[in-house]
Protein backbone atom coordinates (compact mmCIF):
# COMPACT_ATOMS: atom_id res chain seq x y z
CA MET A 1 -15.26 -45.19 -12.21
CA ARG A 2 -13.00 -48.17 -11.58
CA LYS A 3 -10.77 -47.31 -14.58
CA SER A 4 -10.37 -43.68 -13.54
CA LEU A 5 -9.48 -44.70 -9.98
CA LEU A 6 -6.91 -47.21 -11.26
CA LEU A 7 -5.46 -44.61 -13.65
CA SER A 8 -5.22 -42.03 -10.83
CA LEU A 9 -3.46 -44.53 -8.58
CA LEU A 10 -1.06 -45.48 -11.37
CA LEU A 11 -0.22 -41.81 -12.05
CA LEU A 12 0.47 -41.21 -8.34
CA VAL A 13 2.97 -44.08 -8.37
CA VAL A 14 4.65 -43.38 -11.72
CA LEU A 15 4.92 -39.57 -11.81
CA PRO A 16 7.48 -39.21 -8.99
CA CYS A 17 9.82 -41.71 -10.72
CA ARG A 18 12.76 -40.38 -12.75
CA ALA A 19 14.45 -43.00 -14.87
CA GLN A 20 18.23 -43.22 -14.54
CA GLU A 21 18.66 -40.04 -12.54
CA GLY A 22 20.85 -40.67 -9.57
CA TYR A 23 21.84 -39.08 -6.33
CA THR A 24 23.84 -36.10 -5.22
CA HIS A 25 26.95 -37.17 -3.30
CA LEU A 26 29.50 -35.49 -1.09
CA ASN A 27 32.88 -37.00 -2.00
CA LEU A 28 35.80 -37.15 0.43
CA ALA A 29 39.10 -38.60 -0.82
CA GLY A 30 42.77 -38.53 -0.02
CA GLY A 31 45.87 -40.19 -1.31
CA TRP A 32 49.43 -40.17 -2.55
CA MET A 33 50.89 -38.65 -5.68
CA TYR A 34 54.15 -39.66 -7.34
CA LYS A 35 57.35 -38.45 -5.60
CA ASP A 36 55.92 -38.75 -2.07
CA ASP A 37 53.32 -35.96 -2.31
CA LEU A 38 49.92 -35.86 -0.59
CA THR A 39 46.57 -34.74 -1.96
CA ALA A 40 43.02 -34.38 -0.63
CA ASN A 41 39.79 -33.89 -2.53
CA LEU A 42 36.36 -32.60 -1.49
CA ALA A 43 33.65 -32.65 -4.16
CA LEU A 44 29.93 -32.33 -4.72
CA GLU A 45 28.84 -34.83 -7.39
CA PHE A 46 25.62 -34.68 -9.39
CA SER A 47 24.46 -37.82 -11.19
CA LYS A 48 22.70 -37.49 -14.52
CA ARG A 49 21.14 -39.76 -17.15
CA HIS A 50 22.76 -43.07 -18.04
CA TYR A 51 24.82 -42.94 -14.80
CA ASN A 52 27.05 -40.13 -16.11
CA SER A 53 27.88 -37.41 -13.62
CA TYR A 54 29.71 -34.17 -13.08
CA GLU A 55 31.28 -32.70 -9.98
CA ILE A 56 32.44 -29.45 -8.50
CA TYR A 57 35.65 -30.13 -6.60
CA GLY A 58 38.29 -28.61 -4.39
CA ASP A 59 41.81 -30.09 -4.23
CA ALA A 60 44.59 -29.52 -1.74
CA TYR A 61 48.12 -30.65 -2.62
CA LYS A 62 51.30 -30.75 -0.54
CA SER A 63 54.72 -31.69 -1.86
CA ASN A 64 57.07 -33.32 0.61
CA VAL A 65 60.01 -32.86 -1.79
CA ASP A 66 60.13 -29.05 -1.96
CA ASP A 67 57.49 -28.24 0.72
CA SER A 68 55.18 -26.48 -1.76
CA LYS A 69 51.40 -26.35 -1.34
CA ASN A 70 48.58 -25.49 -3.71
CA TRP A 71 44.81 -25.40 -3.85
CA LEU A 72 42.51 -25.87 -6.83
CA VAL A 73 38.78 -25.55 -7.49
CA GLY A 74 37.17 -26.78 -10.67
CA VAL A 75 34.68 -28.99 -12.45
CA ALA A 76 34.95 -32.53 -13.77
CA TYR A 77 32.77 -34.58 -16.12
CA LYS A 78 32.60 -38.32 -15.44
CA PRO A 79 31.08 -40.49 -18.17
CA MET A 80 30.34 -44.12 -17.32
CA LEU A 81 32.64 -46.67 -18.99
CA THR A 82 31.18 -49.85 -17.52
CA ARG A 83 28.80 -50.87 -14.76
CA SER A 84 27.87 -54.15 -13.12
CA ARG A 85 25.63 -54.94 -10.19
CA ASN A 86 27.57 -53.14 -7.44
CA THR A 87 30.64 -51.73 -9.19
CA PHE A 88 31.26 -49.09 -11.81
CA LEU A 89 34.18 -47.59 -13.73
CA LYS A 90 34.10 -43.97 -14.87
CA LEU A 91 36.44 -41.78 -16.87
CA ARG A 92 37.18 -38.50 -15.10
CA LEU A 93 37.99 -35.34 -17.11
CA GLY A 94 38.31 -31.96 -15.46
CA ALA A 95 39.88 -28.54 -15.26
CA GLY A 96 40.65 -26.31 -12.33
CA ILE A 97 42.13 -22.99 -11.28
CA GLY A 98 43.75 -22.05 -8.04
CA SER A 99 46.80 -20.78 -6.26
CA ASN A 100 50.01 -21.91 -4.66
CA THR A 101 52.01 -19.93 -2.14
CA GLU A 102 53.35 -17.64 -4.90
CA HIS A 103 50.92 -17.14 -7.81
CA PHE A 104 47.89 -18.24 -9.84
CA ILE A 105 47.92 -21.79 -11.31
CA GLY A 106 45.75 -23.82 -13.66
CA ALA A 107 45.34 -27.57 -14.11
CA MET A 108 43.83 -30.18 -16.43
CA GLN A 109 42.89 -33.57 -14.98
CA ALA A 110 42.18 -36.99 -16.43
CA GLY A 111 41.88 -40.36 -14.78
CA LEU A 112 39.71 -43.29 -13.81
CA GLU A 113 37.34 -43.84 -10.92
CA LEU A 114 36.36 -47.28 -9.64
CA GLY A 115 33.45 -47.45 -7.23
CA TYR A 116 31.69 -50.07 -5.13
CA VAL A 117 28.12 -49.25 -4.06
CA LEU A 118 27.13 -50.28 -0.53
CA PRO A 119 23.56 -50.45 0.83
CA GLY A 120 22.04 -47.01 1.29
CA ASN A 121 23.86 -45.74 -1.84
CA LEU A 122 27.10 -45.19 0.10
CA VAL A 123 30.01 -45.61 -2.33
CA LEU A 124 33.61 -46.64 -1.68
CA MET A 125 35.86 -45.32 -4.43
CA LEU A 126 39.39 -45.65 -5.73
CA GLN A 127 40.51 -42.86 -8.04
CA GLN A 128 43.54 -42.79 -10.33
CA LYS A 129 44.41 -39.19 -11.14
CA ASN A 130 46.69 -37.63 -13.75
CA GLU A 131 47.13 -33.88 -13.56
CA GLY A 132 48.97 -31.34 -15.71
CA VAL A 133 49.55 -28.14 -13.75
CA LEU A 134 50.82 -24.80 -15.09
CA ARG A 135 53.29 -22.58 -13.20
CA VAL A 136 54.51 -25.08 -10.58
CA ASN A 137 57.72 -27.04 -10.03
CA HIS A 138 56.14 -30.44 -10.78
CA ASN A 139 54.09 -29.91 -13.96
CA PHE A 140 52.84 -33.50 -14.29
CA ARG A 141 51.43 -35.41 -11.35
CA THR A 142 49.97 -38.87 -11.11
CA GLY A 143 48.59 -40.64 -8.10
CA LEU A 144 46.02 -42.81 -6.37
CA LEU A 145 43.26 -41.63 -4.03
CA ALA A 146 40.84 -43.60 -1.88
CA GLY A 147 37.60 -42.18 -0.60
CA ILE A 148 33.95 -42.35 0.17
CA LYS A 149 30.82 -40.87 -1.43
CA ILE A 150 28.08 -39.92 1.00
CA PRO A 151 24.57 -39.50 -0.47
CA LEU A 152 22.83 -36.23 0.35
């Protein structure tokens, strides 16, 4: 009787646990791209095993040089490169499709994401972004974004 009660209690504690599966975050970021351009990013990030994650994102971009604007939606995969107690570094690889004020565009993205985890799983992030965009005036963009990840 005692063993079955202990086993039942142990199963109630252990079954809800999922090893190395993380949180879902809402990411808000904004920053500057090379040649005085602005960008903003809104994403929904899903954490998976071994702290890897993927995200569904939306980007808005505005060029101050030629006053062009474009919008992208896409997906990105973010494998973990290194992690310490409160910080992590991830590689960010993604692709997106969208539009500017004239026609359809496509983009490939690569970069790094540095994050610092605060209590309550709130994350401050710094993201370095490189982007190759088809059918725009500035085909290659690079920049730095700062943002926050809010757990859902």
